[in-house]
Amino acid sequence: MSLAQDLMNGTLILGFVIVSLAQVMAMIRLVIGPSTGDRILALDTMVINAIGLVVLLGISQGTRIYFEVTLIIAMLGFVSTVAYARFVLRGDIIE
């Protein structure tokens, strides 16, 4: 393999490690978060980290289908965060 390929593989591995560590830290915040706002923020951060992991997986495998998956995850994450925040603030989701 060439130097560029080795550098790309090393960078991808480092990216997986860093984003996975961020995911674990968000899970810890979800569990020990002192307030509900902290838990909502941790869930939203976990969605963003999951998007990052899927993008890294798509780059490492060289396929484009994972990028479409990230769009779906992003939309579901946004809707779920808004719904959970509305439930916490108002007590119901649909008015």
PDB file of N, CA and C in Angstrom:
ATOM      1  N   MET A   1       0.839  -1.193   0.000  1.00  0.00           N
ATOM      2  CA  MET A   1       0.000   0.000   0.000  1.00  0.00           C
ATOM      3  C   MET A   1       0.876   1.246   0.000  1.00  0.00           C
ATOM      4  N   SER A   2       0.291   2.301  -0.472  1.00  0.00           N
ATOM      5  CA  SER A   2       1.029   3.551  -0.550  1.00  0.00           C
ATOM      6  C   SER A   2       0.932   4.306   0.780  1.00  0.00           C
ATOM      7  N   LEU A   3       1.710   5.333   0.851  1.00  0.00           N
ATOM      8  CA  LEU A   3       1.714   6.163   2.061  1.00  0.00           C
ATOM      9  C   LEU A   3       0.361   6.859   2.247  1.00  0.00           C
ATOM     10  N   ALA A   4      -0.240   7.300   1.149  1.00  0.00           N
ATOM     11  CA  ALA A   4      -1.538   7.977   1.242  1.00  0.00           C
ATOM     12  C   ALA A   4      -2.611   7.023   1.759  1.00  0.00           C
ATOM     13  N   GLN A   5      -2.587   5.774   1.309  1.00  0.00           N
ATOM     14  CA  GLN A   5      -3.560   4.783   1.770  1.00  0.00           C
ATOM     15  C   GLN A   5      -3.360   4.470   3.252  1.00  0.00           C
ATOM     16  N   ASP A   6      -2.107   4.356   3.671  1.00  0.00           N
ATOM     17  CA  ASP A   6      -1.828   4.117   5.093  1.00  0.00           C
ATOM     18  C   ASP A   6      -2.286   5.292   5.950  1.00  0.00           C
ATOM     19  N   LEU A   7      -2.066   6.499   5.457  1.00  0.00           N
ATOM     20  CA  LEU A   7      -2.489   7.687   6.187  1.00  0.00           C
ATOM     21  C   LEU A   7      -4.010   7.754   6.287  1.00  0.00           C
ATOM     22  N   MET A   8      -4.690   7.401   5.198  1.00  0.00           N
ATOM     23  CA  MET A   8      -6.161   7.407   5.200  1.00  0.00           C
ATOM     24  C   MET A   8      -6.703   6.373   6.187  1.00  0.00           C
ATOM     25  N   ASN A   9      -6.133   5.177   6.188  1.00  0.00           N
ATOM     26  CA  ASN A   9      -6.584   4.140   7.122  1.00  0.00           C
ATOM     27  C   ASN A   9      -6.342   4.551   8.570  1.00  0.00           C
ATOM     28  N   GLY A  10      -5.204   5.130   8.844  1.00  0.00           N
ATOM     29  CA  GLY A  10      -4.910   5.586  10.205  1.00  0.00           C
ATOM     30  C   GLY A  10      -5.844   6.695  10.647  1.00  0.00           C
ATOM     31  N   THR A  11      -6.146   7.607   9.739  1.00  0.00           N
ATOM     32  CA  THR A  11      -7.058   8.698  10.058  1.00  0.00           C
ATOM     33  C   THR A  11      -8.471   8.178  10.318  1.00  0.00           C
ATOM     34  N   LEU A  12      -8.906   7.206   9.517  1.00  0.00           N
ATOM     35  CA  LEU A  12     -10.229   6.623   9.743  1.00  0.00           C
ATOM     36  C   LEU A  12     -10.304   5.913  11.093  1.00  0.00           C
ATOM     37  N   ILE A  13      -9.278   5.180  11.435  1.00  0.00           N
ATOM     38  CA  ILE A  13      -9.259   4.495  12.734  1.00  0.00           C
ATOM     39  C   ILE A  13      -9.300   5.514  13.868  1.00  0.00           C
ATOM     40  N   LEU A  14      -8.512   6.571  13.738  1.00  0.00           N
ATOM     41  CA  LEU A  14      -8.510   7.620  14.762  1.00  0.00           C
ATOM     42  C   LEU A  14      -9.886   8.285  14.853  1.00  0.00           C
ATOM     43  N   GLY A  15     -10.522   8.514  13.711  1.00  0.00           N
ATOM     44  CA  GLY A  15     -11.864   9.090  13.704  1.00  0.00           C
ATOM     45  C   GLY A  15     -12.871   8.191  14.393  1.00  0.00           C
ATOM     46  N   PHE A  16     -12.815   6.875  14.112  1.00  0.00           N
ATOM     47  CA  PHE A  16     -13.711   5.931  14.780  1.00  0.00           C
ATOM     48  C   PHE A  16     -13.506   5.957  16.289  1.00  0.00           C
ATOM     49  N   VAL A  17     -12.262   6.002  16.731  1.00  0.00           N
ATOM     50  CA  VAL A  17     -11.969   6.000  18.165  1.00  0.00           C
ATOM     51  C   VAL A  17     -12.497   7.272  18.827  1.00  0.00           C
ATOM     52  N   ILE A  18     -12.262   8.407  18.199  1.00  0.00           N
ATOM     53  CA  ILE A  18     -12.670   9.673  18.796  1.00  0.00           C
ATOM     54  C   ILE A  18     -14.190   9.793  18.862  1.00  0.00           C
ATOM     55  N   VAL A  19     -14.877   9.455  17.770  1.00  0.00           N
ATOM     56  CA  VAL A  19     -16.335   9.578  17.768  1.00  0.00           C
ATOM     57  C   VAL A  19     -16.960   8.538  18.700  1.00  0.00           C
ATOM     58  N   SER A  20     -16.378   7.345  18.785  1.00  0.00           N
ATOM     59  CA  SER A  20     -16.888   6.342  19.718  1.00  0.00           C
ATOM     60  C   SER A  20     -16.715   6.797  21.166  1.00  0.00           C
ATOM     61  N   LEU A  21     -15.591   7.415  21.455  1.00  0.00           N
ATOM     62  CA  LEU A  21     -15.371   7.954  22.799  1.00  0.00           C
ATOM     63  C   LEU A  21     -16.374   9.062  23.114  1.00  0.00           C
ATOM     64  N   ALA A  22     -16.663   9.902  22.127  1.00  0.00           N
ATOM     65  CA  ALA A  22     -17.673  10.950  22.325  1.00  0.00           C
ATOM     66  C   ALA A  22     -19.050  10.339  22.556  1.00  0.00           C
ATOM     67  N   GLN A  23     -19.343   9.235  21.878  1.00  0.00           N
ATOM     68  CA  GLN A  23     -20.621   8.554  22.066  1.00  0.00           C
ATOM     69  C   GLN A  23     -20.729   7.996  23.483  1.00  0.00           C
ATOM     70  N   VAL A  24     -19.667   7.401  23.976  1.00  0.00           N
ATOM     71  CA  VAL A  24     -19.665   6.860  25.339  1.00  0.00           C
ATOM     72  C   VAL A  24     -19.830   7.986  26.359  1.00  0.00           C
ATOM     73  N   MET A  25     -19.166   9.107  26.120  1.00  0.00           N
ATOM     74  CA  MET A  25     -19.296  10.236  27.044  1.00  0.00           C
ATOM     75  C   MET A  25     -20.718  10.798  27.037  1.00  0.00           C
ATOM     76  N   ALA A  26     -21.357  10.814  25.880  1.00  0.00           N
ATOM     77  CA  ALA A  26     -22.752  11.273  25.818  1.00  0.00           C
ATOM     78  C   ALA A  26     -23.673  10.292  26.538  1.00  0.00           C
ATOM     79  N   MET A  27     -23.380   8.996  26.446  1.00  0.00           N
ATOM     80  CA  MET A  27     -24.181   8.005  27.175  1.00  0.00           C
ATOM     81  C   MET A  27     -24.047   8.187  28.682  1.00  0.00           C
ATOM     82  N   ILE A  28     -22.852   8.509  29.122  1.00  0.00           N
ATOM     83  CA  ILE A  28     -22.641   8.757  30.552  1.00  0.00           C
ATOM     84  C   ILE A  28     -23.450   9.976  30.990  1.00  0.00           C
ATOM     85  N   ARG A  29     -23.449  11.032  30.168  1.00  0.00           N
ATOM     86  CA  ARG A  29     -24.224  12.227  30.493  1.00  0.00           C
ATOM     87  C   ARG A  29     -25.712  11.922  30.495  1.00  0.00           C
ATOM     88  N   LEU A  30     -26.134  11.021  29.626  1.00  0.00           N
ATOM     89  CA  LEU A  30     -27.544  10.631  29.583  1.00  0.00           C
ATOM     90  C   LEU A  30     -27.944   9.943  30.887  1.00  0.00           C
ATOM     91  N   VAL A  31     -27.060   9.126  31.408  1.00  0.00           N
ATOM     92  CA  VAL A  31     -27.378   8.376  32.621  1.00  0.00           C
ATOM     93  C   VAL A  31     -27.296   9.258  33.866  1.00  0.00           C
ATOM     94  N   ILE A  32     -26.256  10.071  33.991  1.00  0.00           N
ATOM     95  CA  ILE A  32     -26.053  10.823  35.235  1.00  0.00           C
ATOM     96  C   ILE A  32     -26.496  12.279  35.134  1.00  0.00           C
ATOM     97  N   GLY A  33     -27.056  12.670  33.981  1.00  0.00           N
ATOM     98  CA  GLY A  33     -27.452  14.066  33.811  1.00  0.00           C
ATOM     99  C   GLY A  33     -28.335  14.550  34.947  1.00  0.00           C
ATOM    100  N   PRO A  34     -27.976  15.644  35.587  1.00  0.00           N
ATOM    101  CA  PRO A  34     -28.768  16.083  36.737  1.00  0.00           C
ATOM    102  C   PRO A  34     -30.143  16.626  36.359  1.00  0.00           C
ATOM    103  N   SER A  35     -30.300  17.112  35.143  1.00  0.00           N
ATOM    104  CA  SER A  35     -31.599  17.661  34.774  1.00  0.00           C
ATOM    105  C   SER A  35     -32.102  17.017  33.485  1.00  0.00           C
ATOM    106  N   THR A  36     -33.361  17.252  33.194  1.00  0.00           N
ATOM    107  CA  THR A  36     -33.956  16.704  31.982  1.00  0.00           C
ATOM    108  C   THR A  36     -33.361  17.360  30.742  1.00  0.00           C
ATOM    109  N   GLY A  37     -33.038  18.633  30.838  1.00  0.00           N
ATOM    110  CA  GLY A  37     -32.405  19.322  29.718  1.00  0.00           C
ATOM    111  C   GLY A  37     -31.074  18.703  29.328  1.00  0.00           C
ATOM    112  N   ASP A  38     -30.305  18.291  30.344  1.00  0.00           N
ATOM    113  CA  ASP A  38     -29.042  17.612  30.070  1.00  0.00           C
ATOM    114  C   ASP A  38     -29.264  16.290  29.356  1.00  0.00           C
ATOM    115  N   ARG A  39     -30.301  15.588  29.725  1.00  0.00           N
ATOM    116  CA  ARG A  39     -30.596  14.304  29.087  1.00  0.00           C
ATOM    117  C   ARG A  39     -31.049  14.491  27.640  1.00  0.00           C
ATOM    118  N   ILE A  40     -31.848  15.521  27.386  1.00  0.00           N
ATOM    119  CA  ILE A  40     -32.276  15.807  26.017  1.00  0.00           C
ATOM    120  C   ILE A  40     -31.076  16.180  25.158  1.00  0.00           C
ATOM    121  N   LEU A  41     -30.197  16.995  25.696  1.00  0.00           N
ATOM    122  CA  LEU A  41     -28.994  17.382  24.969  1.00  0.00           C
ATOM    123  C   LEU A  41     -28.086  16.177  24.717  1.00  0.00           C
ATOM    124  N   ALA A  42     -27.993  15.275  25.688  1.00  0.00           N
ATOM    125  CA  ALA A  42     -27.185  14.077  25.506  1.00  0.00           C
ATOM    126  C   ALA A  42     -27.764  13.179  24.409  1.00  0.00           C
ATOM    127  N   LEU A  43     -29.077  13.053  24.351  1.00  0.00           N
ATOM    128  CA  LEU A  43     -29.697  12.267  23.285  1.00  0.00           C
ATOM    129  C   LEU A  43     -29.431  12.884  21.919  1.00  0.00           C
ATOM    130  N   ASP A  44     -29.529  14.198  21.822  1.00  0.00           N
ATOM    131  CA  ASP A  44     -29.257  14.862  20.562  1.00  0.00           C
ATOM    132  C   ASP A  44     -27.790  14.698  20.164  1.00  0.00           C
ATOM    133  N   THR A  45     -26.901  14.772  21.117  1.00  0.00           N
ATOM    134  CA  THR A  45     -25.481  14.560  20.854  1.00  0.00           C
ATOM    135  C   THR A  45     -25.207  13.130  20.408  1.00  0.00           C
ATOM    136  N   MET A  46     -25.930  12.181  20.981  1.00  0.00           N
ATOM    137  CA  MET A  46     -25.755  10.785  20.568  1.00  0.00           C
ATOM    138  C   MET A  46     -26.211  10.580  19.127  1.00  0.00           C
ATOM    139  N   VAL A  47     -27.259  11.284  18.708  1.00  0.00           N
ATOM    140  CA  VAL A  47     -27.699  11.197  17.312  1.00  0.00           C
ATOM    141  C   VAL A  47     -26.614  11.752  16.391  1.00  0.00           C
ATOM    142  N   ILE A  48     -26.036  12.875  16.756  1.00  0.00           N
ATOM    143  CA  ILE A  48     -24.975  13.473  15.941  1.00  0.00           C
ATOM    144  C   ILE A  48     -23.761  12.554  15.878  1.00  0.00           C
ATOM    145  N   ASN A  49     -23.404  11.938  17.001  1.00  0.00           N
ATOM    146  CA  ASN A  49     -22.285  10.994  16.999  1.00  0.00           C
ATOM    147  C   ASN A  49     -22.591   9.757  16.158  1.00  0.00           C
ATOM    148  N   ALA A  50     -23.822   9.286  16.190  1.00  0.00           N
ATOM    149  CA  ALA A  50     -24.205   8.141  15.358  1.00  0.00           C
ATOM    150  C   ALA A  50     -24.095   8.501  13.880  1.00  0.00           C
ATOM    151  N   ILE A  51     -24.479   9.716  13.528  1.00  0.00           N
ATOM    152  CA  ILE A  51     -24.323  10.173  12.149  1.00  0.00           C
ATOM    153  C   ILE A  51     -22.845  10.172  11.763  1.00  0.00           C
ATOM    154  N   GLY A  52     -22.007  10.654  12.653  1.00  0.00           N
ATOM    155  CA  GLY A  52     -20.565  10.653  12.390  1.00  0.00           C
ATOM    156  C   GLY A  52     -20.014   9.257  12.191  1.00  0.00           C
ATOM    157  N   LEU A  53     -20.464   8.304  13.005  1.00  0.00           N
ATOM    158  CA  LEU A  53     -19.994   6.928  12.860  1.00  0.00           C
ATOM    159  C   LEU A  53     -20.438   6.309  11.539  1.00  0.00           C
ATOM    160  N   VAL A  54     -21.668   6.595  11.130  1.00  0.00           N
ATOM    161  CA  VAL A  54     -22.163   6.051   9.864  1.00  0.00           C
ATOM    162  C   VAL A  54     -21.416   6.672   8.686  1.00  0.00           C
ATOM    163  N   VAL A  55     -21.112   7.964   8.753  1.00  0.00           N
ATOM    164  CA  VAL A  55     -20.338   8.606   7.694  1.00  0.00           C
ATOM    165  C   VAL A  55     -18.941   7.998   7.619  1.00  0.00           C
ATOM    166  N   LEU A  56     -18.314   7.791   8.753  1.00  0.00           N
ATOM    167  CA  LEU A  56     -16.996   7.159   8.757  1.00  0.00           C
ATOM    168  C   LEU A  56     -17.053   5.743   8.194  1.00  0.00           C
ATOM    169  N   LEU A  57     -18.108   5.023   8.505  1.00  0.00           N
ATOM    170  CA  LEU A  57     -18.270   3.686   7.952  1.00  0.00           C
ATOM    171  C   LEU A  57     -18.431   3.733   6.431  1.00  0.00           C
ATOM    172  N   GLY A  58     -19.185   4.701   5.942  1.00  0.00           N
ATOM    173  CA  GLY A  58     -19.344   4.861   4.502  1.00  0.00           C
ATOM    174  C   GLY A  58     -18.042   5.205   3.809  1.00  0.00           C
ATOM    175  N   ILE A  59     -17.246   6.049   4.443  1.00  0.00           N
ATOM    176  CA  ILE A  59     -15.950   6.404   3.866  1.00  0.00           C
ATOM    177  C   ILE A  59     -15.030   5.197   3.851  1.00  0.00           C
ATOM    178  N   SER A  60     -15.011   4.442   4.938  1.00  0.00           N
ATOM    179  CA  SER A  60     -14.097   3.298   5.015  1.00  0.00           C
ATOM    180  C   SER A  60     -14.480   2.185   4.053  1.00  0.00           C
ATOM    181  N   GLN A  61     -15.781   2.013   3.784  1.00  0.00           N
ATOM    182  CA  GLN A  61     -16.201   0.970   2.861  1.00  0.00           C
ATOM    183  C   GLN A  61     -16.303   1.458   1.426  1.00  0.00           C
ATOM    184  N   GLY A  62     -16.271   2.752   1.225  1.00  0.00           N
ATOM    185  CA  GLY A  62     -16.288   3.308  -0.111  1.00  0.00           C
ATOM    186  C   GLY A  62     -17.631   3.228  -0.817  1.00  0.00           C
ATOM    187  N   THR A  63     -18.727   3.212  -0.050  1.00  0.00           N
ATOM    188  CA  THR A  63     -20.057   3.170  -0.654  1.00  0.00           C
ATOM    189  C   THR A  63     -20.809   4.455  -0.327  1.00  0.00           C
ATOM    190  N   ARG A  64     -21.801   4.770  -1.153  1.00  0.00           N
ATOM    191  CA  ARG A  64     -22.556   6.003  -0.977  1.00  0.00           C
ATOM    192  C   ARG A  64     -23.870   5.795  -0.239  1.00  0.00           C
ATOM    193  N   ILE A  65     -24.295   4.563  -0.056  1.00  0.00           N
ATOM    194  CA  ILE A  65     -25.602   4.314   0.556  1.00  0.00           C
ATOM    195  C   ILE A  65     -25.648   4.804   2.010  1.00  0.00           C
ATOM    196  N   TYR A  66     -24.518   4.790   2.685  1.00  0.00           N
ATOM    197  CA  TYR A  66     -24.491   5.216   4.088  1.00  0.00           C
ATOM    198  C   TYR A  66     -24.790   6.698   4.238  1.00  0.00           C
ATOM    199  N   PHE A  67     -24.489   7.492   3.220  1.00  0.00           N
ATOM    200  CA  PHE A  67     -24.752   8.916   3.307  1.00  0.00           C
ATOM    201  C   PHE A  67     -26.252   9.196   3.253  1.00  0.00           C
ATOM    202  N   GLU A  68     -26.993   8.383   2.516  1.00  0.00           N
ATOM    203  CA  GLU A  68     -28.448   8.515   2.522  1.00  0.00           C
ATOM    204  C   GLU A  68     -29.026   8.078   3.869  1.00  0.00           C
ATOM    205  N   VAL A  69     -28.411   7.088   4.464  1.00  0.00           N
ATOM    206  CA  VAL A  69     -28.838   6.635   5.788  1.00  0.00           C
ATOM    207  C   VAL A  69     -28.645   7.745   6.814  1.00  0.00           C
ATOM    208  N   THR A  70     -27.566   8.497   6.695  1.00  0.00           N
ATOM    209  CA  THR A  70     -27.326   9.583   7.651  1.00  0.00           C
ATOM    210  C   THR A  70     -28.387  10.673   7.541  1.00  0.00           C
ATOM    211  N   LEU A  71     -28.898  10.909   6.353  1.00  0.00           N
ATOM    212  CA  LEU A  71     -29.970  11.898   6.210  1.00  0.00           C
ATOM    213  C   LEU A  71     -31.223  11.447   6.941  1.00  0.00           C
ATOM    214  N   ILE A  72     -31.544  10.175   6.844  1.00  0.00           N
ATOM    215  CA  ILE A  72     -32.719   9.647   7.545  1.00  0.00           C
ATOM    216  C   ILE A  72     -32.512   9.714   9.055  1.00  0.00           C
ATOM    217  N   ILE A  73     -31.325   9.340   9.517  1.00  0.00           N
ATOM    218  CA  ILE A  73     -31.033   9.403  10.951  1.00  0.00           C
ATOM    219  C   ILE A  73     -31.125  10.847  11.446  1.00  0.00           C
ATOM    220  N   ALA A  74     -30.629  11.790  10.654  1.00  0.00           N
ATOM    221  CA  ALA A  74     -30.676  13.206  11.052  1.00  0.00           C
ATOM    222  C   ALA A  74     -32.112  13.699  11.166  1.00  0.00           C
ATOM    223  N   MET A  75     -32.949  13.329  10.203  1.00  0.00           N
ATOM    224  CA  MET A  75     -34.350  13.759  10.273  1.00  0.00           C
ATOM    225  C   MET A  75     -35.060  13.144  11.475  1.00  0.00           C
ATOM    226  N   LEU A  76     -34.863  11.860  11.696  1.00  0.00           N
ATOM    227  CA  LEU A  76     -35.498  11.214  12.849  1.00  0.00           C
ATOM    228  C   LEU A  76     -34.972  11.768  14.167  1.00  0.00           C
ATOM    229  N   GLY A  77     -33.692  12.057  14.220  1.00  0.00           N
ATOM    230  CA  GLY A  77     -33.114  12.633  15.427  1.00  0.00           C
ATOM    231  C   GLY A  77     -33.668  14.000  15.742  1.00  0.00           C
ATOM    232  N   PHE A  78     -33.834  14.823  14.712  1.00  0.00           N
ATOM    233  CA  PHE A  78     -34.403  16.165  14.921  1.00  0.00           C
ATOM    234  C   PHE A  78     -35.840  16.070  15.410  1.00  0.00           C
ATOM    235  N   VAL A  79     -36.637  15.242  14.759  1.00  0.00           N
ATOM    236  CA  VAL A  79     -38.046  15.119  15.138  1.00  0.00           C
ATOM    237  C   VAL A  79     -38.171  14.554  16.556  1.00  0.00           C
ATOM    238  N   SER A  80     -37.365  13.568  16.888  1.00  0.00           N
ATOM    239  CA  SER A  80     -37.460  12.978  18.225  1.00  0.00           C
ATOM    240  C   SER A  80     -37.007  13.959  19.305  1.00  0.00           C
ATOM    241  N   THR A  81     -35.997  14.756  19.020  1.00  0.00           N
ATOM    242  CA  THR A  81     -35.550  15.751  19.998  1.00  0.00           C
ATOM    243  C   THR A  81     -36.628  16.804  20.233  1.00  0.00           C
ATOM    244  N   VAL A  82     -37.241  17.281  19.169  1.00  0.00           N
ATOM    245  CA  VAL A  82     -38.301  18.276  19.306  1.00  0.00           C
ATOM    246  C   VAL A  82     -39.498  17.683  20.046  1.00  0.00           C
ATOM    247  N   ALA A  83     -39.868  16.448  19.715  1.00  0.00           N
ATOM    248  CA  ALA A  83     -41.014  15.816  20.374  1.00  0.00           C
ATOM    249  C   ALA A  83     -40.745  15.607  21.858  1.00  0.00           C
ATOM    250  N   TYR A  84     -39.553  15.164  22.207  1.00  0.00           N
ATOM    251  CA  TYR A  84     -39.234  14.934  23.611  1.00  0.00           C
ATOM    252  C   TYR A  84     -39.190  16.251  24.386  1.00  0.00           C
ATOM    253  N   ALA A  85     -38.643  17.295  23.764  1.00  0.00           N
ATOM    254  CA  ALA A  85     -38.600  18.603  24.436  1.00  0.00           C
ATOM    255  C   ALA A  85     -40.007  19.160  24.636  1.00  0.00           C
ATOM    256  N   ARG A  86     -40.879  18.993  23.648  1.00  0.00           N
ATOM    257  CA  ARG A  86     -42.264  19.452  23.806  1.00  0.00           C
ATOM    258  C   ARG A  86     -42.988  18.669  24.880  1.00  0.00           C
ATOM    259  N   PHE A  87     -42.709  17.371  24.957  1.00  0.00           N
ATOM    260  CA  PHE A  87     -43.339  16.551  25.991  1.00  0.00           C
ATOM    261  C   PHE A  87     -42.897  17.002  27.372  1.00  0.00           C
ATOM    262  N   VAL A  88     -41.625  17.318  27.522  1.00  0.00           N
ATOM    263  CA  VAL A  88     -41.129  17.753  28.821  1.00  0.00           C
ATOM    264  C   VAL A  88     -41.706  19.111  29.194  1.00  0.00           C
ATOM    265  N   LEU A  89     -41.792  20.015  28.233  1.00  0.00           N
ATOM    266  CA  LEU A  89     -42.267  21.361  28.534  1.00  0.00           C
ATOM    267  C   LEU A  89     -43.777  21.443  28.713  1.00  0.00           C
ATOM    268  N   ARG A  90     -44.544  20.736  27.870  1.00  0.00           N
ATOM    269  CA  ARG A  90     -45.992  20.898  27.881  1.00  0.00           C
ATOM    270  C   ARG A  90     -46.755  19.705  28.402  1.00  0.00           C
ATOM    271  N   GLY A  91     -46.137  18.556  28.448  1.00  0.00           N
ATOM    272  CA  GLY A  91     -46.825  17.373  28.931  1.00  0.00           C
ATOM    273  C   GLY A  91     -47.490  16.559  27.851  1.00  0.00           C
ATOM    274  N   ASP A  92     -47.598  17.109  26.642  1.00  0.00           N
ATOM    275  CA  ASP A  92     -48.128  16.348  25.517  1.00  0.00           C
ATOM    276  C   ASP A  92     -47.371  16.761  24.252  1.00  0.00           C
ATOM    277  N   ILE A  93     -47.447  15.920  23.240  1.00  0.00           N
ATOM    278  CA  ILE A  93     -46.711  16.186  22.009  1.00  0.00           C
ATOM    279  C   ILE A  93     -47.611  16.826  20.970  1.00  0.00           C
ATOM    280  N   ILE A  94     -48.803  16.284  20.809  1.00  0.00           N
ATOM    281  CA  ILE A  94     -49.735  16.786  19.807  1.00  0.00           C
ATOM    282  C   ILE A  94     -50.808  17.600  20.505  1.00  0.00           C
ATOM    283  N   GLU A  95     -51.035  18.785  19.999  1.00  0.00           N
ATOM    284  CA  GLU A  95     -52.032  19.657  20.621  1.00  0.00           C
ATOM    285  C   GLU A  95     -53.381  19.473  19.991  1.00  0.00           C
TER     286      GLU A  95
END
